[in-house]
Amino acid sequence: MQALVPDSLFGFLQESGLATSGGEAAALLMEGAVCVNHIPVRSPRKRLQAGDVVSVSDGHVVAVFGTTSLL
């Protein structure tokens, strides 16, 4: 069983719903369909930081990692 790492790109793709499974997340990364802050990323181990914008397939699906409220 594979553990999801919340701040890794691979884990975030699954947790955010940008990918429906680990296999889909891996395929998207291999295809070069994933961008972090508008830069294509192929490494599933890429660490994300608060405010990073992750997009799939030319920006049709977008999620922001680790946003927090200051209130």
Protein backbone atom coordinates (compact mmCIF):
# COMPACT_ATOMS: atom_id res chain seq x y z
CA MET A 1 0.00 0.00 0.00
CA GLN A 2 1.40 3.36 -1.00
CA ALA A 3 1.32 6.19 1.53
CA LEU A 4 0.30 9.58 0.24
CA VAL A 5 2.56 12.43 1.17
CA PRO A 6 0.39 15.55 1.39
CA ASP A 7 3.09 17.96 0.25
CA SER A 8 4.31 15.84 -2.68
CA LEU A 9 2.87 16.48 -6.11
CA PHE A 10 1.85 12.83 -6.51
CA GLY A 11 -0.10 12.82 -3.23
CA PHE A 12 -1.68 16.20 -3.92
CA LEU A 13 -2.92 15.13 -7.36
CA GLN A 14 -4.84 12.32 -5.70
CA GLU A 15 -6.02 14.16 -2.58
CA SER A 16 -7.26 17.18 -4.53
CA GLY A 17 -9.16 15.11 -7.07
CA LEU A 18 -7.04 16.28 -10.00
CA ALA A 19 -6.34 12.57 -10.53
CA THR A 20 -8.80 9.83 -9.63
CA SER A 21 -6.12 7.25 -8.81
CA GLY A 22 -2.40 6.74 -8.37
CA GLY A 23 -2.23 5.27 -11.85
CA GLU A 24 -3.87 8.32 -13.37
CA ALA A 25 -1.56 10.64 -11.41
CA ALA A 26 1.48 8.74 -12.69
CA ALA A 27 0.19 8.81 -16.28
CA LEU A 28 -0.48 12.56 -16.15
CA LEU A 29 3.04 13.19 -14.85
CA MET A 30 4.63 10.93 -17.49
CA GLU A 31 2.67 12.69 -20.25
CA GLY A 32 3.87 16.09 -19.06
CA ALA A 33 0.27 17.18 -18.46
CA VAL A 34 0.93 18.56 -14.96
CA CYS A 35 2.20 22.09 -14.30
CA VAL A 36 3.17 23.75 -11.03
CA ASN A 37 3.03 27.52 -11.25
CA HIS A 38 2.75 27.22 -15.06
CA ILE A 39 5.93 25.12 -15.33
CA PRO A 40 5.62 21.50 -16.53
CA VAL A 41 6.68 18.98 -13.89
CA ARG A 42 7.26 15.25 -14.35
CA SER A 43 8.63 14.38 -10.90
CA PRO A 44 6.05 12.84 -8.55
CA ARG A 45 8.29 13.75 -5.60
CA LYS A 46 8.18 17.48 -6.28
CA ARG A 47 7.48 19.18 -2.97
CA LEU A 48 4.74 21.78 -2.97
CA GLN A 49 4.61 24.94 -0.91
CA ALA A 50 1.60 26.96 0.23
CA GLY A 51 0.18 28.94 -2.67
CA ASP A 52 1.57 26.72 -5.45
CA VAL A 53 -0.89 26.46 -8.33
CA VAL A 54 -1.17 22.97 -9.80
CA SER A 55 -2.85 22.59 -13.19
CA VAL A 56 -3.62 19.60 -15.38
CA SER A 57 -4.12 19.51 -19.15
CA ASP A 58 -3.39 23.07 -20.20
CA GLY A 59 -5.10 24.72 -17.24
CA HIS A 60 -8.52 23.13 -17.62
CA VAL A 61 -8.31 21.87 -14.03
CA VAL A 62 -6.54 23.89 -11.33
CA ALA A 63 -6.00 23.51 -7.58
CA VAL A 64 -4.00 25.58 -5.09
CA PHE A 65 -1.90 23.77 -2.50
CA GLY A 66 -1.92 24.69 1.18
CA THR A 67 -3.83 27.93 1.22
CA THR A 68 -4.55 29.17 4.72
CA SER A 69 -6.64 31.94 6.11
CA LEU A 70 -5.03 34.62 8.21
CA LEU A 71 -8.26 35.31 10.12
